[in-house]
Amino acid sequence: HELVYDDNQKPINYKFLEINPSFERITRLKKEDIVGKKVTEALPGIENDPADWIGTYGKVVINNEPISFEQFSENLNNWFSCRAFKTEENCFAVSFTEITDRKKAES
């Protein structure tokens, strides 16, 4: 993924550079539909998601610190365990594990 910034260098979006078959399977998003697109194009409304996916990944890149977290995605209606880390200047990678069944069992 590659971050997109506003004029004040605040992360406001990110672009899908590559995804793997596991990502397609757990998110039900298809490679041909999202690679090269911004997340706000692929998942309209994500910029308003309380999870603040864009801001979270922006901190990973800006601070050069990996992060692990569990989060519900309103767009995908699933829980995910995520690990994100900076890969190069303005870029990051994320590993997702879908954990919806576990979260339902916990509640």
PDB file of N, CA and C in Angstrom:
ATOM      1  N   HIS A   1       0.845  -1.171   0.000  1.00  0.00           N
ATOM      2  CA  HIS A   1       0.000   0.000   0.000  1.00  0.00           C
ATOM      3  C   HIS A   1       0.890   1.234   0.000  1.00  0.00           C
ATOM      4  N   GLU A   2       0.397   2.288  -0.626  1.00  0.00           N
ATOM      5  CA  GLU A   2       1.133   3.551  -0.647  1.00  0.00           C
ATOM      6  C   GLU A   2       0.234   4.651  -0.102  1.00  0.00           C
ATOM      7  N   LEU A   3       0.731   5.374   0.906  1.00  0.00           N
ATOM      8  CA  LEU A   3      -0.044   6.456   1.507  1.00  0.00           C
ATOM      9  C   LEU A   3      -0.209   7.615   0.539  1.00  0.00           C
ATOM     10  N   VAL A   4      -1.349   8.309   0.670  1.00  0.00           N
ATOM     11  CA  VAL A   4      -1.629   9.537  -0.062  1.00  0.00           C
ATOM     12  C   VAL A   4      -1.829  10.614   0.999  1.00  0.00           C
ATOM     13  N   TYR A   5      -1.173  11.754   0.806  1.00  0.00           N
ATOM     14  CA  TYR A   5      -1.194  12.836   1.793  1.00  0.00           C
ATOM     15  C   TYR A   5      -1.936  14.059   1.258  1.00  0.00           C
ATOM     16  N   ASP A   6      -2.444  14.884   2.197  1.00  0.00           N
ATOM     17  CA  ASP A   6      -2.991  16.175   1.799  1.00  0.00           C
ATOM     18  C   ASP A   6      -1.857  17.201   1.752  1.00  0.00           C
ATOM     19  N   ASP A   7      -2.187  18.462   1.514  1.00  0.00           N
ATOM     20  CA  ASP A   7      -1.168  19.515   1.394  1.00  0.00           C
ATOM     21  C   ASP A   7      -0.390  19.743   2.683  1.00  0.00           C
ATOM     22  N   ASN A   8      -0.947  19.310   3.813  1.00  0.00           N
ATOM     23  CA  ASN A   8      -0.278  19.464   5.109  1.00  0.00           C
ATOM     24  C   ASN A   8       0.453  18.199   5.542  1.00  0.00           C
ATOM     25  N   GLN A   9       0.631  17.275   4.608  1.00  0.00           N
ATOM     26  CA  GLN A   9       1.323  16.002   4.858  1.00  0.00           C
ATOM     27  C   GLN A   9       0.589  15.100   5.848  1.00  0.00           C
ATOM     28  N   LYS A  10      -0.733  15.248   5.904  1.00  0.00           N
ATOM     29  CA  LYS A  10      -1.568  14.356   6.710  1.00  0.00           C
ATOM     30  C   LYS A  10      -2.051  13.221   5.805  1.00  0.00           C
ATOM     31  N   PRO A  11      -1.916  11.960   6.251  1.00  0.00           N
ATOM     32  CA  PRO A  11      -2.420  10.843   5.441  1.00  0.00           C
ATOM     33  C   PRO A  11      -3.943  10.935   5.282  1.00  0.00           C
ATOM     34  N   ILE A  12      -4.406  10.909   4.030  1.00  0.00           N
ATOM     35  CA  ILE A  12      -5.841  11.020   3.758  1.00  0.00           C
ATOM     36  C   ILE A  12      -6.382   9.843   2.945  1.00  0.00           C
ATOM     37  N   ASN A  13      -5.492   8.967   2.498  1.00  0.00           N
ATOM     38  CA  ASN A  13      -5.914   7.857   1.662  1.00  0.00           C
ATOM     39  C   ASN A  13      -4.738   6.913   1.515  1.00  0.00           C
ATOM     40  N   TYR A  14      -4.955   5.786   0.894  1.00  0.00           N
ATOM     41  CA  TYR A  14      -3.848   4.932   0.475  1.00  0.00           C
ATOM     42  C   TYR A  14      -4.260   4.140  -0.748  1.00  0.00           C
ATOM     43  N   LYS A  15      -3.258   3.773  -1.526  1.00  0.00           N
ATOM     44  CA  LYS A  15      -3.474   3.056  -2.771  1.00  0.00           C
ATOM     45  C   LYS A  15      -3.063   1.600  -2.609  1.00  0.00           C
ATOM     46  N   PHE A  16      -3.877   0.706  -3.164  1.00  0.00           N
ATOM     47  CA  PHE A  16      -3.535  -0.714  -3.185  1.00  0.00           C
ATOM     48  C   PHE A  16      -2.500  -0.950  -4.278  1.00  0.00           C
ATOM     49  N   LEU A  17      -1.317  -1.404  -3.897  1.00  0.00           N
ATOM     50  CA  LEU A  17      -0.268  -1.705  -4.869  1.00  0.00           C
ATOM     51  C   LEU A  17      -0.289  -3.171  -5.277  1.00  0.00           C
ATOM     52  N   GLU A  18      -0.623  -4.032  -4.344  1.00  0.00           N
ATOM     53  CA  GLU A  18      -0.660  -5.480  -4.600  1.00  0.00           C
ATOM     54  C   GLU A  18      -1.483  -6.140  -3.504  1.00  0.00           C
ATOM     55  N   ILE A  19      -2.183  -7.199  -3.856  1.00  0.00           N
ATOM     56  CA  ILE A  19      -2.856  -8.019  -2.850  1.00  0.00           C
ATOM     57  C   ILE A  19      -2.635  -9.480  -3.220  1.00  0.00           C
ATOM     58  N   ASN A  20      -2.764 -10.346  -2.222  1.00  0.00           N
ATOM     59  CA  ASN A  20      -2.559 -11.773  -2.492  1.00  0.00           C
ATOM     60  C   ASN A  20      -3.896 -12.525  -2.411  1.00  0.00           C
ATOM     61  N   PRO A  21      -3.913 -13.789  -2.831  1.00  0.00           N
ATOM     62  CA  PRO A  21      -5.159 -14.566  -2.821  1.00  0.00           C
ATOM     63  C   PRO A  21      -5.808 -14.689  -1.440  1.00  0.00           C
ATOM     64  N   SER A  22      -5.014 -14.726  -0.387  1.00  0.00           N
ATOM     65  CA  SER A  22      -5.588 -14.805   0.962  1.00  0.00           C
ATOM     66  C   SER A  22      -6.390 -13.551   1.285  1.00  0.00           C
ATOM     67  N   PHE A  23      -5.867 -12.394   0.903  1.00  0.00           N
ATOM     68  CA  PHE A  23      -6.585 -11.135   1.122  1.00  0.00           C
ATOM     69  C   PHE A  23      -7.909 -11.161   0.359  1.00  0.00           C
ATOM     70  N   GLU A  24      -7.875 -11.619  -0.879  1.00  0.00           N
ATOM     71  CA  GLU A  24      -9.107 -11.712  -1.668  1.00  0.00           C
ATOM     72  C   GLU A  24     -10.127 -12.614  -0.975  1.00  0.00           C
ATOM     73  N   ARG A  25      -9.659 -13.738  -0.471  1.00  0.00           N
ATOM     74  CA  ARG A  25     -10.554 -14.714   0.149  1.00  0.00           C
ATOM     75  C   ARG A  25     -11.202 -14.162   1.413  1.00  0.00           C
ATOM     76  N   ILE A  26     -10.417 -13.553   2.297  1.00  0.00           N
ATOM     77  CA  ILE A  26     -10.996 -13.130   3.579  1.00  0.00           C
ATOM     78  C   ILE A  26     -11.765 -11.815   3.488  1.00  0.00           C
ATOM     79  N   THR A  27     -11.464 -10.981   2.486  1.00  0.00           N
ATOM     80  CA  THR A  27     -12.178  -9.706   2.352  1.00  0.00           C
ATOM     81  C   THR A  27     -13.268  -9.747   1.288  1.00  0.00           C
ATOM     82  N   ARG A  28     -13.198 -10.738   0.407  1.00  0.00           N
ATOM     83  CA  ARG A  28     -14.107 -10.852  -0.735  1.00  0.00           C
ATOM     84  C   ARG A  28     -13.923  -9.701  -1.718  1.00  0.00           C
ATOM     85  N   LEU A  29     -12.763  -9.051  -1.668  1.00  0.00           N
ATOM     86  CA  LEU A  29     -12.397  -8.018  -2.639  1.00  0.00           C
ATOM     87  C   LEU A  29     -11.509  -8.664  -3.694  1.00  0.00           C
ATOM     88  N   LYS A  30     -11.726  -8.324  -4.943  1.00  0.00           N
ATOM     89  CA  LYS A  30     -10.979  -8.938  -6.039  1.00  0.00           C
ATOM     90  C   LYS A  30      -9.821  -8.050  -6.482  1.00  0.00           C
ATOM     91  N   LYS A  31      -8.687  -8.693  -6.731  1.00  0.00           N
ATOM     92  CA  LYS A  31      -7.467  -8.004  -7.138  1.00  0.00           C
ATOM     93  C   LYS A  31      -7.722  -7.056  -8.303  1.00  0.00           C
ATOM     94  N   GLU A  32      -8.409  -7.546  -9.320  1.00  0.00           N
ATOM     95  CA  GLU A  32      -8.628  -6.724 -10.516  1.00  0.00           C
ATOM     96  C   GLU A  32      -9.517  -5.514 -10.242  1.00  0.00           C
ATOM     97  N   ASP A  33     -10.265  -5.544  -9.140  1.00  0.00           N
ATOM     98  CA  ASP A  33     -11.144  -4.424  -8.803  1.00  0.00           C
ATOM     99  C   ASP A  33     -10.478  -3.364  -7.939  1.00  0.00           C
ATOM    100  N   ILE A  34      -9.372  -3.718  -7.255  1.00  0.00           N
ATOM    101  CA  ILE A  34      -8.824  -2.750  -6.298  1.00  0.00           C
ATOM    102  C   ILE A  34      -7.362  -2.369  -6.503  1.00  0.00           C
ATOM    103  N   VAL A  35      -6.550  -3.220  -7.106  1.00  0.00           N
ATOM    104  CA  VAL A  35      -5.135  -2.861  -7.278  1.00  0.00           C
ATOM    105  C   VAL A  35      -5.042  -1.621  -8.168  1.00  0.00           C
ATOM    106  N   GLY A  36      -4.273  -0.642  -7.695  1.00  0.00           N
ATOM    107  CA  GLY A  36      -4.130   0.630  -8.394  1.00  0.00           C
ATOM    108  C   GLY A  36      -5.138   1.675  -7.956  1.00  0.00           C
ATOM    109  N   LYS A  37      -6.129   1.269  -7.168  1.00  0.00           N
ATOM    110  CA  LYS A  37      -7.146   2.203  -6.696  1.00  0.00           C
ATOM    111  C   LYS A  37      -6.845   2.647  -5.273  1.00  0.00           C
ATOM    112  N   LYS A  38      -7.416   3.790  -4.922  1.00  0.00           N
ATOM    113  CA  LYS A  38      -7.341   4.267  -3.549  1.00  0.00           C
ATOM    114  C   LYS A  38      -8.373   3.514  -2.721  1.00  0.00           C
ATOM    115  N   VAL A  39      -8.090   3.375  -1.430  1.00  0.00           N
ATOM    116  CA  VAL A  39      -9.000   2.638  -0.556  1.00  0.00           C
ATOM    117  C   VAL A  39     -10.383   3.280  -0.531  1.00  0.00           C
ATOM    118  N   THR A  40     -10.456   4.606  -0.652  1.00  0.00           N
ATOM    119  CA  THR A  40     -11.756   5.277  -0.646  1.00  0.00           C
ATOM    120  C   THR A  40     -12.554   5.000  -1.914  1.00  0.00           C
ATOM    121  N   GLU A  41     -11.880   4.576  -2.975  1.00  0.00           N
ATOM    122  CA  GLU A  41     -12.577   4.154  -4.196  1.00  0.00           C
ATOM    123  C   GLU A  41     -13.033   2.702  -4.072  1.00  0.00           C
ATOM    124  N   ALA A  42     -12.180   1.865  -3.496  1.00  0.00           N
ATOM    125  CA  ALA A  42     -12.481   0.437  -3.362  1.00  0.00           C
ATOM    126  C   ALA A  42     -13.511   0.177  -2.264  1.00  0.00           C
ATOM    127  N   LEU A  43     -13.447   0.966  -1.201  1.00  0.00           N
ATOM    128  CA  LEU A  43     -14.350   0.809  -0.054  1.00  0.00           C
ATOM    129  C   LEU A  43     -14.949   2.168   0.301  1.00  0.00           C
ATOM    130  N   PRO A  44     -15.914   2.645  -0.487  1.00  0.00           N
ATOM    131  CA  PRO A  44     -16.496   3.971  -0.230  1.00  0.00           C
ATOM    132  C   PRO A  44     -16.987   4.107   1.205  1.00  0.00           C
ATOM    133  N   GLY A  45     -16.656   5.234   1.809  1.00  0.00           N
ATOM    134  CA  GLY A  45     -17.060   5.514   3.178  1.00  0.00           C
ATOM    135  C   GLY A  45     -16.045   5.107   4.226  1.00  0.00           C
ATOM    136  N   ILE A  46     -14.983   4.406   3.818  1.00  0.00           N
ATOM    137  CA  ILE A  46     -13.995   3.948   4.807  1.00  0.00           C
ATOM    138  C   ILE A  46     -13.354   5.120   5.545  1.00  0.00           C
ATOM    139  N   GLU A  47     -13.299   6.277   4.903  1.00  0.00           N
ATOM    140  CA  GLU A  47     -12.709   7.440   5.568  1.00  0.00           C
ATOM    141  C   GLU A  47     -13.528   7.881   6.777  1.00  0.00           C
ATOM    142  N   ASN A  48     -14.771   7.422   6.878  1.00  0.00           N
ATOM    143  CA  ASN A  48     -15.636   7.751   8.016  1.00  0.00           C
ATOM    144  C   ASN A  48     -15.761   6.607   9.013  1.00  0.00           C
ATOM    145  N   ASP A  49     -15.102   5.492   8.754  1.00  0.00           N
ATOM    146  CA  ASP A  49     -15.158   4.331   9.645  1.00  0.00           C
ATOM    147  C   ASP A  49     -14.515   4.707  10.982  1.00  0.00           C
ATOM    148  N   PRO A  50     -15.196   4.441  12.105  1.00  0.00           N
ATOM    149  CA  PRO A  50     -14.621   4.759  13.417  1.00  0.00           C
ATOM    150  C   PRO A  50     -13.262   4.110  13.662  1.00  0.00           C
ATOM    151  N   ALA A  51     -12.947   3.056  12.942  1.00  0.00           N
ATOM    152  CA  ALA A  51     -11.661   2.374  13.119  1.00  0.00           C
ATOM    153  C   ALA A  51     -10.486   3.230  12.662  1.00  0.00           C
ATOM    154  N   ASP A  52     -10.729   4.232  11.837  1.00  0.00           N
ATOM    155  CA  ASP A  52      -9.678   5.122  11.311  1.00  0.00           C
ATOM    156  C   ASP A  52      -8.531   4.328  10.687  1.00  0.00           C
ATOM    157  N   TRP A  53      -8.866   3.468   9.741  1.00  0.00           N
ATOM    158  CA  TRP A  53      -7.872   2.646   9.062  1.00  0.00           C
ATOM    159  C   TRP A  53      -6.772   3.501   8.433  1.00  0.00           C
ATOM    160  N   ILE A  54      -7.151   4.582   7.764  1.00  0.00           N
ATOM    161  CA  ILE A  54      -6.168   5.429   7.080  1.00  0.00           C
ATOM    162  C   ILE A  54      -5.224   6.071   8.090  1.00  0.00           C
ATOM    163  N   GLY A  55      -5.761   6.622   9.161  1.00  0.00           N
ATOM    164  CA  GLY A  55      -4.931   7.241  10.190  1.00  0.00           C
ATOM    165  C   GLY A  55      -4.012   6.248  10.876  1.00  0.00           C
ATOM    166  N   THR A  56      -4.526   5.057  11.142  1.00  0.00           N
ATOM    167  CA  THR A  56      -3.716   4.016  11.787  1.00  0.00           C
ATOM    168  C   THR A  56      -2.530   3.638  10.917  1.00  0.00           C
ATOM    169  N   TYR A  57      -2.783   3.380   9.643  1.00  0.00           N
ATOM    170  CA  TYR A  57      -1.686   3.007   8.746  1.00  0.00           C
ATOM    171  C   TYR A  57      -0.744   4.182   8.505  1.00  0.00           C
ATOM    172  N   GLY A  58      -1.277   5.399   8.529  1.00  0.00           N
ATOM    173  CA  GLY A  58      -0.422   6.575   8.408  1.00  0.00           C
ATOM    174  C   GLY A  58       0.584   6.656   9.544  1.00  0.00           C
ATOM    175  N   LYS A  59       0.146   6.351  10.764  1.00  0.00           N
ATOM    176  CA  LYS A  59       1.055   6.362  11.919  1.00  0.00           C
ATOM    177  C   LYS A  59       2.146   5.309  11.776  1.00  0.00           C
ATOM    178  N   VAL A  60       1.794   4.151  11.222  1.00  0.00           N
ATOM    179  CA  VAL A  60       2.785   3.091  11.010  1.00  0.00           C
ATOM    180  C   VAL A  60       3.913   3.600  10.121  1.00  0.00           C
ATOM    181  N   VAL A  61       3.552   4.285   9.040  1.00  0.00           N
ATOM    182  CA  VAL A  61       4.562   4.785   8.101  1.00  0.00           C
ATOM    183  C   VAL A  61       5.330   5.963   8.695  1.00  0.00           C
ATOM    184  N   ILE A  62       4.619   6.931   9.235  1.00  0.00           N
ATOM    185  CA  ILE A  62       5.263   8.145   9.758  1.00  0.00           C
ATOM    186  C   ILE A  62       6.192   7.823  10.923  1.00  0.00           C
ATOM    187  N   ASN A  63       5.747   6.954  11.831  1.00  0.00           N
ATOM    188  CA  ASN A  63       6.545   6.622  13.014  1.00  0.00           C
ATOM    189  C   ASN A  63       7.491   5.452  12.791  1.00  0.00           C
ATOM    190  N   ASN A  64       7.366   4.796  11.649  1.00  0.00           N
ATOM    191  CA  ASN A  64       8.178   3.616  11.322  1.00  0.00           C
ATOM    192  C   ASN A  64       8.115   2.577  12.443  1.00  0.00           C
ATOM    193  N   GLU A  65       6.887   2.356  12.944  1.00  0.00           N
ATOM    194  CA  GLU A  65       6.672   1.384  14.011  1.00  0.00           C
ATOM    195  C   GLU A  65       5.561   0.430  13.608  1.00  0.00           C
ATOM    196  N   PRO A  66       5.841  -0.873  13.620  1.00  0.00           N
ATOM    197  CA  PRO A  66       4.786  -1.837  13.313  1.00  0.00           C
ATOM    198  C   PRO A  66       3.695  -1.797  14.376  1.00  0.00           C
ATOM    199  N   ILE A  67       2.524  -2.269  14.006  1.00  0.00           N
ATOM    200  CA  ILE A  67       1.397  -2.286  14.936  1.00  0.00           C
ATOM    201  C   ILE A  67       0.601  -3.574  14.720  1.00  0.00           C
ATOM    202  N   SER A  68       0.058  -4.091  15.808  1.00  0.00           N
ATOM    203  CA  SER A  68      -0.865  -5.226  15.759  1.00  0.00           C
ATOM    204  C   SER A  68      -2.142  -4.804  16.465  1.00  0.00           C
ATOM    205  N   PHE A  69      -3.280  -5.117  15.868  1.00  0.00           N
ATOM    206  CA  PHE A  69      -4.550  -4.730  16.469  1.00  0.00           C
ATOM    207  C   PHE A  69      -5.673  -5.606  15.930  1.00  0.00           C
ATOM    208  N   GLU A  70      -6.785  -5.611  16.651  1.00  0.00           N
ATOM    209  CA  GLU A  70      -8.005  -6.272  16.207  1.00  0.00           C
ATOM    210  C   GLU A  70      -9.038  -5.188  15.974  1.00  0.00           C
ATOM    211  N   GLN A  71      -9.745  -5.289  14.847  1.00  0.00           N
ATOM    212  CA  GLN A  71     -10.676  -4.222  14.504  1.00  0.00           C
ATOM    213  C   GLN A  71     -11.836  -4.756  13.679  1.00  0.00           C
ATOM    214  N   PHE A  72     -13.011  -4.186  13.895  1.00  0.00           N
ATOM    215  CA  PHE A  72     -14.183  -4.492  13.083  1.00  0.00           C
ATOM    216  C   PHE A  72     -14.192  -3.561  11.884  1.00  0.00           C
ATOM    217  N   SER A  73     -14.424  -4.099  10.711  1.00  0.00           N
ATOM    218  CA  SER A  73     -14.557  -3.295   9.496  1.00  0.00           C
ATOM    219  C   SER A  73     -16.033  -3.147   9.165  1.00  0.00           C
ATOM    220  N   GLU A  74     -16.536  -1.918   9.235  1.00  0.00           N
ATOM    221  CA  GLU A  74     -17.931  -1.675   8.882  1.00  0.00           C
ATOM    222  C   GLU A  74     -18.176  -1.983   7.409  1.00  0.00           C
ATOM    223  N   ASN A  75     -17.216  -1.649   6.546  1.00  0.00           N
ATOM    224  CA  ASN A  75     -17.371  -1.892   5.108  1.00  0.00           C
ATOM    225  C   ASN A  75     -17.492  -3.371   4.777  1.00  0.00           C
ATOM    226  N   LEU A  76     -16.719  -4.204   5.460  1.00  0.00           N
ATOM    227  CA  LEU A  76     -16.679  -5.630   5.152  1.00  0.00           C
ATOM    228  C   LEU A  76     -17.512  -6.466   6.119  1.00  0.00           C
ATOM    229  N   ASN A  77     -18.019  -5.826   7.185  1.00  0.00           N
ATOM    230  CA  ASN A  77     -18.864  -6.481   8.183  1.00  0.00           C
ATOM    231  C   ASN A  77     -18.189  -7.709   8.796  1.00  0.00           C
ATOM    232  N   ASN A  78     -16.897  -7.587   9.080  1.00  0.00           N
ATOM    233  CA  ASN A  78     -16.123  -8.664   9.692  1.00  0.00           C
ATOM    234  C   ASN A  78     -15.095  -8.087  10.658  1.00  0.00           C
ATOM    235  N   TRP A  79     -14.669  -8.931  11.598  1.00  0.00           N
ATOM    236  CA  TRP A  79     -13.568  -8.616  12.497  1.00  0.00           C
ATOM    237  C   TRP A  79     -12.268  -9.129  11.894  1.00  0.00           C
ATOM    238  N   PHE A  80     -11.187  -8.359  12.094  1.00  0.00           N
ATOM    239  CA  PHE A  80      -9.877  -8.757  11.592  1.00  0.00           C
ATOM    240  C   PHE A  80      -8.805  -8.546  12.655  1.00  0.00           C
ATOM    241  N   SER A  81      -7.859  -9.453  12.681  1.00  0.00           N
ATOM    242  CA  SER A  81      -6.614  -9.265  13.410  1.00  0.00           C
ATOM    243  C   SER A  81      -5.615  -8.779  12.365  1.00  0.00           C
ATOM    244  N   CYS A  82      -4.963  -7.656  12.643  1.00  0.00           N
ATOM    245  CA  CYS A  82      -4.102  -7.010  11.643  1.00  0.00           C
ATOM    246  C   CYS A  82      -2.699  -6.769  12.192  1.00  0.00           C
ATOM    247  N   ARG A  83      -1.720  -6.938  11.324  1.00  0.00           N
ATOM    248  CA  ARG A  83      -0.332  -6.558  11.603  1.00  0.00           C
ATOM    249  C   ARG A  83       0.111  -5.688  10.448  1.00  0.00           C
ATOM    250  N   ALA A  84       0.507  -4.463  10.747  1.00  0.00           N
ATOM    251  CA  ALA A  84       0.939  -3.535   9.702  1.00  0.00           C
ATOM    252  C   ALA A  84       2.355  -3.076   9.987  1.00  0.00           C
ATOM    253  N   PHE A  85       3.119  -2.887   8.915  1.00  0.00           N
ATOM    254  CA  PHE A  85       4.496  -2.425   9.066  1.00  0.00           C
ATOM    255  C   PHE A  85       4.918  -1.644   7.824  1.00  0.00           C
ATOM    256  N   LYS A  86       5.840  -0.728   8.038  1.00  0.00           N
ATOM    257  CA  LYS A  86       6.374   0.079   6.943  1.00  0.00           C
ATOM    258  C   LYS A  86       7.297  -0.791   6.097  1.00  0.00           C
ATOM    259  N   THR A  87       7.183  -0.657   4.777  1.00  0.00           N
ATOM    260  CA  THR A  87       8.038  -1.436   3.878  1.00  0.00           C
ATOM    261  C   THR A  87       9.087  -0.575   3.188  1.00  0.00           C
ATOM    262  N   GLU A  88       8.734   0.649   2.868  1.00  0.00           N
ATOM    263  CA  GLU A  88       9.648   1.613   2.256  1.00  0.00           C
ATOM    264  C   GLU A  88       9.018   2.984   2.404  1.00  0.00           C
ATOM    265  N   GLU A  89       9.658   4.001   1.877  1.00  0.00           N
ATOM    266  CA  GLU A  89       9.155   5.367   2.011  1.00  0.00           C
ATOM    267  C   GLU A  89       7.700   5.451   1.544  1.00  0.00           C
ATOM    268  N   ASN A  90       6.816   5.916   2.427  1.00  0.00           N
ATOM    269  CA  ASN A  90       5.391   6.112   2.152  1.00  0.00           C
ATOM    270  C   ASN A  90       4.606   4.828   1.887  1.00  0.00           C
ATOM    271  N   CYS A  91       5.190   3.676   2.139  1.00  0.00           N
ATOM    272  CA  CYS A  91       4.505   2.403   1.856  1.00  0.00           C
ATOM    273  C   CYS A  91       4.437   1.512   3.092  1.00  0.00           C
ATOM    274  N   PHE A  92       3.423   0.664   3.106  1.00  0.00           N
ATOM    275  CA  PHE A  92       3.250  -0.278   4.205  1.00  0.00           C
ATOM    276  C   PHE A  92       2.608  -1.555   3.688  1.00  0.00           C
ATOM    277  N   ALA A  93       2.728  -2.604   4.476  1.00  0.00           N
ATOM    278  CA  ALA A  93       2.077  -3.882   4.194  1.00  0.00           C
ATOM    279  C   ALA A  93       1.247  -4.264   5.406  1.00  0.00           C
ATOM    280  N   VAL A  94       0.208  -5.046   5.157  1.00  0.00           N
ATOM    281  CA  VAL A  94      -0.676  -5.482   6.230  1.00  0.00           C
ATOM    282  C   VAL A  94      -0.962  -6.968   6.074  1.00  0.00           C
ATOM    283  N   SER A  95      -0.922  -7.665   7.191  1.00  0.00           N
ATOM    284  CA  SER A  95      -1.324  -9.067   7.244  1.00  0.00           C
ATOM    285  C   SER A  95      -2.656  -9.125   7.981  1.00  0.00           C
ATOM    286  N   PHE A  96      -3.666  -9.721   7.349  1.00  0.00           N
ATOM    287  CA  PHE A  96      -5.007  -9.822   7.923  1.00  0.00           C
ATOM    288  C   PHE A  96      -5.347 -11.266   8.251  1.00  0.00           C
ATOM    289  N   THR A  97      -6.007 -11.451   9.395  1.00  0.00           N
ATOM    290  CA  THR A  97      -6.626 -12.724   9.729  1.00  0.00           C
ATOM    291  C   THR A  97      -8.069 -12.415  10.097  1.00  0.00           C
ATOM    292  N   GLU A  98      -9.012 -13.078   9.476  1.00  0.00           N
ATOM    293  CA  GLU A  98     -10.424 -12.848   9.757  1.00  0.00           C
ATOM    294  C   GLU A  98     -10.786 -13.592  11.043  1.00  0.00           C
ATOM    295  N   ILE A  99     -11.328 -12.867  12.038  1.00  0.00           N
ATOM    296  CA  ILE A  99     -11.577 -13.438  13.370  1.00  0.00           C
ATOM    297  C   ILE A  99     -13.029 -13.261  13.824  1.00  0.00           C
ATOM    298  N   THR A 100     -13.936 -13.089  12.891  1.00  0.00           N
ATOM    299  CA  THR A 100     -15.332 -12.824  13.234  1.00  0.00           C
ATOM    300  C   THR A 100     -15.935 -13.925  14.097  1.00  0.00           C
ATOM    301  N   ASP A 101     -15.721 -15.183  13.739  1.00  0.00           N
ATOM    302  CA  ASP A 101     -16.297 -16.288  14.523  1.00  0.00           C
ATOM    303  C   ASP A 101     -15.790 -16.278  15.961  1.00  0.00           C
ATOM    304  N   ARG A 102     -14.505 -16.017  16.134  1.00  0.00           N
ATOM    305  CA  ARG A 102     -13.948 -15.955  17.489  1.00  0.00           C
ATOM    306  C   ARG A 102     -14.579 -14.823  18.286  1.00  0.00           C
ATOM    307  N   LYS A 103     -14.734 -13.654  17.652  1.00  0.00           N
ATOM    308  CA  LYS A 103     -15.326 -12.507  18.340  1.00  0.00           C
ATOM    309  C   LYS A 103     -16.778 -12.786  18.732  1.00  0.00           C
ATOM    310  N   LYS A 104     -17.516 -13.463  17.863  1.00  0.00           N
ATOM    311  CA  LYS A 104     -18.904 -13.811  18.187  1.00  0.00           C
ATOM    312  C   LYS A 104     -18.951 -14.770  19.367  1.00  0.00           C
ATOM    313  N   ALA A 105     -18.027 -15.715  19.412  1.00  0.00           N
ATOM    314  CA  ALA A 105     -17.975 -16.686  20.510  1.00  0.00           C
ATOM    315  C   ALA A 105     -17.618 -16.016  21.835  1.00  0.00           C
ATOM    316  N   GLU A 106     -16.832 -14.948  21.771  1.00  0.00           N
ATOM    317  CA  GLU A 106     -16.418 -14.234  22.980  1.00  0.00           C
ATOM    318  C   GLU A 106     -17.544 -13.396  23.568  1.00  0.00           C
ATOM    319  N   SER A 107     -18.511 -13.020  22.753  1.00  0.00           N
ATOM    320  CA  SER A 107     -19.566 -12.122  23.254  1.00  0.00           C
ATOM    321  C   SER A 107     -20.762 -12.855  23.795  1.00  0.00           C
TER     322      SER A 107
END
